[in-house]
Amino acid sequence: MKYVRPLTLYRELLKKNRALLKATEEPHSINLNLLKKYVNLEYPENLMALADRSLELSKKPPQMYRLVAFNIIRDGITFSVPGYPDNKEAFFLKFHPYAVRGIEAPYLKATLERFILSYNLMGFVVGYPCNNKKENLNRAQVRKFMDDMCKDKRFEDLKYTFWDSKFASKVGELMSNFSDVPQYAHKRIIDMYSAVGILQDYLDFANKKTLELCKEEDGVGIN
């Protein structure tokens, strides 16, 4: 697994999805053209049925590449995934409640492997405490966790980036304030939904920067 800058990860996600869409559309277009050209009177039903099936497949969207965000908290890891297919909203995915002791935990490895298959995963957005000097221990824990991830060959094709975990509490605080839960459970909610706050802030940044770069490349909005 390889580290990349935050915006690089997002732009690579968009690039891979564009290539996937193009590769999915082109073969079906070729098949339809050939079928139309060589259809004959001897087996028209079979050929036209195949043409209809090709047209159906060409309209079916492929499974796009996606990201998953996670944040290491006191007693586990919480996960978030962006909405499909626009990557603009973050949603709660899962809370892994076991104490984090590296990537050696079999259940955690199995969870990550399921994410790769279920979401056609290309990378992670990892919550990282950037500014708080009191969280040096947590920084070391995150670094060790990612070092263990990078050594596992099952994740070697993935990429990851860090995102400041100071945004982690935003969504959890909103949910705890507007939900009917006892006061003692507020901290738990904030922790469990911390990955959603991190991913949402990352998506807001990445979408905004990508739009700005597109405008600059098109020569729009430059003074």
C-alpha atoms as a PDB file:
ATOM      1  CA  MET A   1       0.000   0.000   0.000  1.00  0.00           C
ATOM      2  CA  LYS A   2       1.294   3.431  -0.940  1.00  0.00           C
ATOM      3  CA  TYR A   3       0.815   6.860   0.629  1.00  0.00           C
ATOM      4  CA  VAL A   4      -0.315   9.693  -1.669  1.00  0.00           C
ATOM      5  CA  ARG A   5      -1.358  13.288  -1.037  1.00  0.00           C
ATOM      6  CA  PRO A   6      -5.050  13.894  -0.262  1.00  0.00           C
ATOM      7  CA  LEU A   7      -5.980  15.540  -3.547  1.00  0.00           C
ATOM      8  CA  THR A   8      -3.899  13.048  -5.538  1.00  0.00           C
ATOM      9  CA  LEU A   9      -5.919  10.171  -4.089  1.00  0.00           C
ATOM     10  CA  TYR A  10      -9.204  11.800  -5.085  1.00  0.00           C
ATOM     11  CA  ARG A  11      -8.044  12.671  -8.591  1.00  0.00           C
ATOM     12  CA  GLU A  12      -6.808   9.125  -9.116  1.00  0.00           C
ATOM     13  CA  LEU A  13     -10.224   7.879  -8.002  1.00  0.00           C
ATOM     14  CA  LEU A  14     -11.921  10.047 -10.631  1.00  0.00           C
ATOM     15  CA  LYS A  15      -9.409   8.987 -13.294  1.00  0.00           C
ATOM     16  CA  LYS A  16      -9.898   5.260 -12.621  1.00  0.00           C
ATOM     17  CA  ASN A  17     -13.677   5.617 -12.715  1.00  0.00           C
ATOM     18  CA  ARG A  18     -13.584   7.524 -16.011  1.00  0.00           C
ATOM     19  CA  ALA A  19     -11.385   4.789 -17.502  1.00  0.00           C
ATOM     20  CA  LEU A  20     -13.731   2.127 -16.147  1.00  0.00           C
ATOM     21  CA  LEU A  21     -16.765   3.773 -17.729  1.00  0.00           C
ATOM     22  CA  LYS A  22     -14.986   4.129 -21.061  1.00  0.00           C
ATOM     23  CA  ALA A  23     -13.801   0.515 -21.062  1.00  0.00           C
ATOM     24  CA  THR A  24     -17.309  -0.686 -20.196  1.00  0.00           C
ATOM     25  CA  GLU A  25     -19.055   1.288 -22.921  1.00  0.00           C
ATOM     26  CA  GLU A  26     -16.751   0.639 -25.874  1.00  0.00           C
ATOM     27  CA  PRO A  27     -16.997  -3.189 -26.195  1.00  0.00           C
ATOM     28  CA  HIS A  28     -20.805  -3.114 -26.165  1.00  0.00           C
ATOM     29  CA  SER A  29     -20.853  -0.422 -28.836  1.00  0.00           C
ATOM     30  CA  ILE A  30     -18.594  -2.574 -31.029  1.00  0.00           C
ATOM     31  CA  ASN A  31     -20.753  -5.671 -30.442  1.00  0.00           C
ATOM     32  CA  LEU A  32     -23.914  -3.821 -31.413  1.00  0.00           C
ATOM     33  CA  ASN A  33     -22.358  -2.461 -34.611  1.00  0.00           C
ATOM     34  CA  LEU A  34     -21.170  -5.927 -35.648  1.00  0.00           C
ATOM     35  CA  LEU A  35     -24.521  -7.487 -34.875  1.00  0.00           C
ATOM     36  CA  LYS A  36     -26.363  -4.896 -36.943  1.00  0.00           C
ATOM     37  CA  LYS A  37     -23.952  -5.398 -39.827  1.00  0.00           C
ATOM     38  CA  TYR A  38     -24.064  -9.195 -39.936  1.00  0.00           C
ATOM     39  CA  VAL A  39     -27.639  -9.953 -38.898  1.00  0.00           C
ATOM     40  CA  ASN A  40     -29.244 -12.302 -41.446  1.00  0.00           C
ATOM     41  CA  LEU A  41     -32.618 -13.837 -42.178  1.00  0.00           C
ATOM     42  CA  GLU A  42     -31.684 -17.388 -41.080  1.00  0.00           C
ATOM     43  CA  TYR A  43     -31.445 -16.787 -37.307  1.00  0.00           C
ATOM     44  CA  PRO A  44     -32.841 -13.293 -36.749  1.00  0.00           C
ATOM     45  CA  GLU A  45     -34.431 -14.094 -33.373  1.00  0.00           C
ATOM     46  CA  ASN A  46     -31.203 -15.328 -31.745  1.00  0.00           C
ATOM     47  CA  LEU A  47     -29.093 -12.519 -33.126  1.00  0.00           C
ATOM     48  CA  MET A  48     -31.522  -9.796 -32.151  1.00  0.00           C
ATOM     49  CA  ALA A  49     -31.883 -11.293 -28.677  1.00  0.00           C
ATOM     50  CA  LEU A  50     -28.108 -11.103 -28.331  1.00  0.00           C
ATOM     51  CA  ALA A  51     -28.184  -7.517 -29.571  1.00  0.00           C
ATOM     52  CA  ASP A  52     -30.845  -6.648 -26.985  1.00  0.00           C
ATOM     53  CA  ARG A  53     -28.734  -8.254 -24.254  1.00  0.00           C
ATOM     54  CA  SER A  54     -25.668  -6.259 -25.331  1.00  0.00           C
ATOM     55  CA  LEU A  55     -27.697  -3.068 -25.251  1.00  0.00           C
ATOM     56  CA  GLU A  56     -28.955  -3.942 -21.757  1.00  0.00           C
ATOM     57  CA  LEU A  57     -25.413  -4.534 -20.501  1.00  0.00           C
ATOM     58  CA  SER A  58     -24.174  -1.316 -22.077  1.00  0.00           C
ATOM     59  CA  LYS A  59     -26.721   0.627 -20.052  1.00  0.00           C
ATOM     60  CA  LYS A  60     -25.870  -1.141 -16.784  1.00  0.00           C
ATOM     61  CA  PRO A  61     -23.374   0.964 -14.797  1.00  0.00           C
ATOM     62  CA  PRO A  62     -20.159  -0.773 -13.698  1.00  0.00           C
ATOM     63  CA  GLN A  63     -19.123  -1.062 -10.074  1.00  0.00           C
ATOM     64  CA  MET A  64     -17.196   2.154  -9.626  1.00  0.00           C
ATOM     65  CA  TYR A  65     -14.049   2.439  -7.537  1.00  0.00           C
ATOM     66  CA  ARG A  66     -14.568   3.912  -4.077  1.00  0.00           C
ATOM     67  CA  LEU A  67     -12.779   5.079  -0.954  1.00  0.00           C
ATOM     68  CA  VAL A  68     -13.314   4.130   2.673  1.00  0.00           C
ATOM     69  CA  ALA A  69     -12.358   6.383   5.588  1.00  0.00           C
ATOM     70  CA  PHE A  70     -11.497   5.136   9.045  1.00  0.00           C
ATOM     71  CA  ASN A  71     -10.561   6.660  12.372  1.00  0.00           C
ATOM     72  CA  ILE A  72      -8.805   4.926  15.243  1.00  0.00           C
ATOM     73  CA  ILE A  73     -10.495   5.713  18.555  1.00  0.00           C
ATOM     74  CA  ARG A  74      -9.993   4.542  22.124  1.00  0.00           C
ATOM     75  CA  ASP A  75     -11.462   1.068  21.786  1.00  0.00           C
ATOM     76  CA  GLY A  76     -11.610   0.306  18.081  1.00  0.00           C
ATOM     77  CA  ILE A  77     -11.940   1.675  14.564  1.00  0.00           C
ATOM     78  CA  THR A  78     -14.910   3.379  12.956  1.00  0.00           C
ATOM     79  CA  PHE A  79     -15.474   3.347   9.181  1.00  0.00           C
ATOM     80  CA  SER A  80     -17.263   5.604   6.700  1.00  0.00           C
ATOM     81  CA  VAL A  81     -17.970   5.353   2.977  1.00  0.00           C
ATOM     82  CA  PRO A  82     -18.934   8.066   0.449  1.00  0.00           C
ATOM     83  CA  GLY A  83     -22.323   8.054  -1.253  1.00  0.00           C
ATOM     84  CA  TYR A  84     -22.555   6.347  -4.621  1.00  0.00           C
ATOM     85  CA  PRO A  85     -21.822   7.467  -7.290  1.00  0.00           C
ATOM     86  CA  ASP A  86     -21.200  11.189  -6.725  1.00  0.00           C
ATOM     87  CA  ASN A  87     -18.778  10.994  -3.752  1.00  0.00           C
ATOM     88  CA  LYS A  88     -20.269  14.075  -2.104  1.00  0.00           C
ATOM     89  CA  GLU A  89     -21.747  12.746   1.139  1.00  0.00           C
ATOM     90  CA  ALA A  90     -20.201  10.539   3.815  1.00  0.00           C
ATOM     91  CA  PHE A  91     -22.159   7.743   5.491  1.00  0.00           C
ATOM     92  CA  PHE A  92     -21.534   5.572   8.513  1.00  0.00           C
ATOM     93  CA  LEU A  93     -20.320   2.121   7.486  1.00  0.00           C
ATOM     94  CA  LYS A  94     -19.147   0.072  10.466  1.00  0.00           C
ATOM     95  CA  PHE A  95     -17.656   0.176  13.942  1.00  0.00           C
ATOM     96  CA  HIS A  96     -14.990  -2.409  14.744  1.00  0.00           C
ATOM     97  CA  PRO A  97     -15.164  -2.536  18.556  1.00  0.00           C
ATOM     98  CA  TYR A  98     -11.974  -4.358  19.376  1.00  0.00           C
ATOM     99  CA  ALA A  99      -8.857  -2.713  20.778  1.00  0.00           C
ATOM    100  CA  VAL A 100      -6.450  -1.910  17.955  1.00  0.00           C
ATOM    101  CA  ARG A 101      -3.251  -3.920  18.128  1.00  0.00           C
ATOM    102  CA  GLY A 102      -2.015  -3.550  14.583  1.00  0.00           C
ATOM    103  CA  ILE A 103      -3.395  -5.315  11.541  1.00  0.00           C
ATOM    104  CA  GLU A 104      -2.740  -8.790  12.979  1.00  0.00           C
ATOM    105  CA  ALA A 105      -6.300  -9.231  14.269  1.00  0.00           C
ATOM    106  CA  PRO A 106      -7.881 -11.789  11.871  1.00  0.00           C
ATOM    107  CA  TYR A 107     -11.362 -10.298  12.179  1.00  0.00           C
ATOM    108  CA  LEU A 108     -10.146  -6.843  11.240  1.00  0.00           C
ATOM    109  CA  LYS A 109      -8.262  -8.165   8.227  1.00  0.00           C
ATOM    110  CA  ALA A 110     -11.363 -10.012   7.101  1.00  0.00           C
ATOM    111  CA  THR A 111     -13.405  -6.808   7.489  1.00  0.00           C
ATOM    112  CA  LEU A 112     -10.994  -4.846   5.310  1.00  0.00           C
ATOM    113  CA  GLU A 113     -10.952  -7.579   2.677  1.00  0.00           C
ATOM    114  CA  ARG A 114     -14.749  -7.530   2.543  1.00  0.00           C
ATOM    115  CA  PHE A 115     -14.622  -3.768   1.969  1.00  0.00           C
ATOM    116  CA  ILE A 116     -12.281  -4.300  -0.985  1.00  0.00           C
ATOM    117  CA  LEU A 117     -14.718  -6.717  -2.621  1.00  0.00           C
ATOM    118  CA  SER A 118     -17.960  -5.011  -1.658  1.00  0.00           C
ATOM    119  CA  TYR A 119     -16.956  -1.461  -2.596  1.00  0.00           C
ATOM    120  CA  ASN A 120     -14.351  -2.089  -5.299  1.00  0.00           C
ATOM    121  CA  LEU A 121     -12.012  -0.270  -2.960  1.00  0.00           C
ATOM    122  CA  MET A 122      -8.998   1.653  -4.257  1.00  0.00           C
ATOM    123  CA  GLY A 123      -7.851   3.395  -1.086  1.00  0.00           C
ATOM    124  CA  PHE A 124      -8.331   4.726   2.429  1.00  0.00           C
ATOM    125  CA  VAL A 125      -8.709   8.155   4.003  1.00  0.00           C
ATOM    126  CA  VAL A 126      -7.141   7.796   7.449  1.00  0.00           C
ATOM    127  CA  GLY A 127      -7.951  10.078  10.362  1.00  0.00           C
ATOM    128  CA  TYR A 128      -4.750  11.594  11.739  1.00  0.00           C
ATOM    129  CA  PRO A 129      -4.294  14.027  14.671  1.00  0.00           C
ATOM    130  CA  CYS A 130      -2.205  16.751  13.029  1.00  0.00           C
ATOM    131  CA  ASN A 131      -2.164  19.688  15.452  1.00  0.00           C
ATOM    132  CA  ASN A 132      -2.797  18.544  19.006  1.00  0.00           C
ATOM    133  CA  LYS A 133       0.528  17.966  20.777  1.00  0.00           C
ATOM    134  CA  LYS A 134      -1.251  15.982  23.494  1.00  0.00           C
ATOM    135  CA  GLU A 135      -2.130  13.317  20.917  1.00  0.00           C
ATOM    136  CA  ASN A 136       1.416  12.224  20.079  1.00  0.00           C
ATOM    137  CA  LEU A 137       0.592   8.735  21.369  1.00  0.00           C
ATOM    138  CA  ASN A 138      -2.396   8.476  19.050  1.00  0.00           C
ATOM    139  CA  ARG A 139      -0.269   9.650  16.117  1.00  0.00           C
ATOM    140  CA  ALA A 140       2.228   6.903  16.847  1.00  0.00           C
ATOM    141  CA  GLN A 141      -0.611   4.389  17.030  1.00  0.00           C
ATOM    142  CA  VAL A 142      -1.975   5.469  13.643  1.00  0.00           C
ATOM    143  CA  ARG A 143       1.487   5.338  12.066  1.00  0.00           C
ATOM    144  CA  LYS A 144       2.106   1.845  13.440  1.00  0.00           C
ATOM    145  CA  PHE A 145      -1.278   0.691  12.224  1.00  0.00           C
ATOM    146  CA  MET A 146      -0.596   1.940   8.688  1.00  0.00           C
ATOM    147  CA  ASP A 147       2.922   0.467   8.691  1.00  0.00           C
ATOM    148  CA  ASP A 148       1.381  -2.922   9.477  1.00  0.00           C
ATOM    149  CA  MET A 149      -1.160  -2.414   6.684  1.00  0.00           C
ATOM    150  CA  CYS A 150       1.577  -1.590   4.186  1.00  0.00           C
ATOM    151  CA  LYS A 151       3.439  -4.815   4.988  1.00  0.00           C
ATOM    152  CA  ASP A 152       0.435  -6.994   4.184  1.00  0.00           C
ATOM    153  CA  LYS A 153       0.513  -8.073   0.541  1.00  0.00           C
ATOM    154  CA  ARG A 154      -3.256  -8.382   0.424  1.00  0.00           C
ATOM    155  CA  PHE A 155      -3.465  -4.576   0.484  1.00  0.00           C
ATOM    156  CA  GLU A 156      -0.473  -3.805  -1.739  1.00  0.00           C
ATOM    157  CA  ASP A 157      -2.573  -2.438  -4.617  1.00  0.00           C
ATOM    158  CA  LEU A 158      -4.368   0.093  -2.422  1.00  0.00           C
ATOM    159  CA  LYS A 159      -3.419   3.684  -1.666  1.00  0.00           C
ATOM    160  CA  TYR A 160      -4.061   5.844   1.379  1.00  0.00           C
ATOM    161  CA  THR A 161      -3.850   9.393   2.603  1.00  0.00           C
ATOM    162  CA  PHE A 162      -4.112  11.128   5.968  1.00  0.00           C
ATOM    163  CA  TRP A 163      -6.773  13.683   6.901  1.00  0.00           C
ATOM    164  CA  ASP A 164      -6.842  15.824  10.028  1.00  0.00           C
ATOM    165  CA  SER A 165      -8.999  14.155  12.688  1.00  0.00           C
ATOM    166  CA  LYS A 166      -9.898  17.499  14.278  1.00  0.00           C
ATOM    167  CA  PHE A 167     -12.993  17.342  12.058  1.00  0.00           C
ATOM    168  CA  ALA A 168     -13.938  13.936  13.470  1.00  0.00           C
ATOM    169  CA  SER A 169     -16.411  15.166  16.078  1.00  0.00           C
ATOM    170  CA  LYS A 170     -18.594  17.362  13.839  1.00  0.00           C
ATOM    171  CA  VAL A 171     -21.144  14.780  12.708  1.00  0.00           C
ATOM    172  CA  GLY A 172     -21.199  12.936  16.021  1.00  0.00           C
ATOM    173  CA  GLU A 173     -21.876  16.132  17.952  1.00  0.00           C
ATOM    174  CA  LEU A 174     -24.790  16.990  15.664  1.00  0.00           C
ATOM    175  CA  MET A 175     -26.270  13.529  16.004  1.00  0.00           C
ATOM    176  CA  SER A 176     -25.891  13.436  19.781  1.00  0.00           C
ATOM    177  CA  ASN A 177     -27.478  16.894  20.149  1.00  0.00           C
ATOM    178  CA  PHE A 178     -30.509  16.060  18.023  1.00  0.00           C
ATOM    179  CA  SER A 179     -31.028  12.425  19.015  1.00  0.00           C
ATOM    180  CA  ASP A 180     -32.861  11.082  22.013  1.00  0.00           C
ATOM    181  CA  VAL A 181     -29.920   9.499  23.833  1.00  0.00           C
ATOM    182  CA  PRO A 182     -28.771   9.880  27.430  1.00  0.00           C
ATOM    183  CA  GLN A 183     -25.956  12.288  28.197  1.00  0.00           C
ATOM    184  CA  TYR A 184     -23.484   9.524  29.024  1.00  0.00           C
ATOM    185  CA  ALA A 185     -23.881   8.105  25.489  1.00  0.00           C
ATOM    186  CA  HIS A 186     -22.990  11.330  23.669  1.00  0.00           C
ATOM    187  CA  LYS A 187     -19.250  10.647  23.730  1.00  0.00           C
ATOM    188  CA  ARG A 188     -19.848   7.180  22.349  1.00  0.00           C
ATOM    189  CA  ILE A 189     -21.859   8.531  19.436  1.00  0.00           C
ATOM    190  CA  ILE A 190     -19.204  11.154  18.684  1.00  0.00           C
ATOM    191  CA  ASP A 191     -16.533   8.437  18.621  1.00  0.00           C
ATOM    192  CA  MET A 192     -18.532   6.029  16.471  1.00  0.00           C
ATOM    193  CA  TYR A 193     -19.356   8.659  13.848  1.00  0.00           C
ATOM    194  CA  SER A 194     -15.906  10.270  13.835  1.00  0.00           C
ATOM    195  CA  ALA A 195     -14.952   8.695  10.500  1.00  0.00           C
ATOM    196  CA  VAL A 196     -18.057  10.268   8.913  1.00  0.00           C
ATOM    197  CA  GLY A 197     -16.890  13.740   9.979  1.00  0.00           C
ATOM    198  CA  ILE A 198     -13.387  13.115   8.658  1.00  0.00           C
ATOM    199  CA  LEU A 199     -14.588  11.769   5.315  1.00  0.00           C
ATOM    200  CA  GLN A 200     -17.175  14.523   4.855  1.00  0.00           C
ATOM    201  CA  ASP A 201     -14.556  17.234   5.367  1.00  0.00           C
ATOM    202  CA  TYR A 202     -12.202  15.435   2.987  1.00  0.00           C
ATOM    203  CA  LEU A 203     -14.882  15.106   0.283  1.00  0.00           C
ATOM    204  CA  ASP A 204     -15.862  18.781   0.626  1.00  0.00           C
ATOM    205  CA  PHE A 205     -12.225  19.783   0.177  1.00  0.00           C
ATOM    206  CA  ALA A 206     -11.513  17.377  -2.692  1.00  0.00           C
ATOM    207  CA  ASN A 207     -14.653  18.239  -4.672  1.00  0.00           C
ATOM    208  CA  LYS A 208     -14.075  21.974  -4.242  1.00  0.00           C
ATOM    209  CA  LYS A 209     -10.414  21.777  -5.275  1.00  0.00           C
ATOM    210  CA  THR A 210     -11.194  19.517  -8.221  1.00  0.00           C
ATOM    211  CA  LEU A 211     -13.835  21.956  -9.474  1.00  0.00           C
ATOM    212  CA  GLU A 212     -11.391  24.851  -9.122  1.00  0.00           C
ATOM    213  CA  LEU A 213      -8.702  22.985 -11.039  1.00  0.00           C
ATOM    214  CA  CYS A 214     -11.159  22.114 -13.819  1.00  0.00           C
ATOM    215  CA  LYS A 215     -12.109  25.776 -14.164  1.00  0.00           C
ATOM    216  CA  GLU A 216      -8.478  26.807 -14.322  1.00  0.00           C
ATOM    217  CA  GLU A 217      -7.729  24.203 -16.984  1.00  0.00           C
ATOM    218  CA  ASP A 218     -10.689  25.477 -19.019  1.00  0.00           C
ATOM    219  CA  GLY A 219      -9.566  29.067 -18.569  1.00  0.00           C
ATOM    220  CA  VAL A 220     -12.646  29.994 -16.525  1.00  0.00           C
ATOM    221  CA  GLY A 221     -12.548  32.276 -13.528  1.00  0.00           C
ATOM    222  CA  ILE A 222      -8.920  33.348 -13.912  1.00  0.00           C
ATOM    223  CA  ASN A 223      -8.260  37.009 -13.280  1.00  0.00           C
END
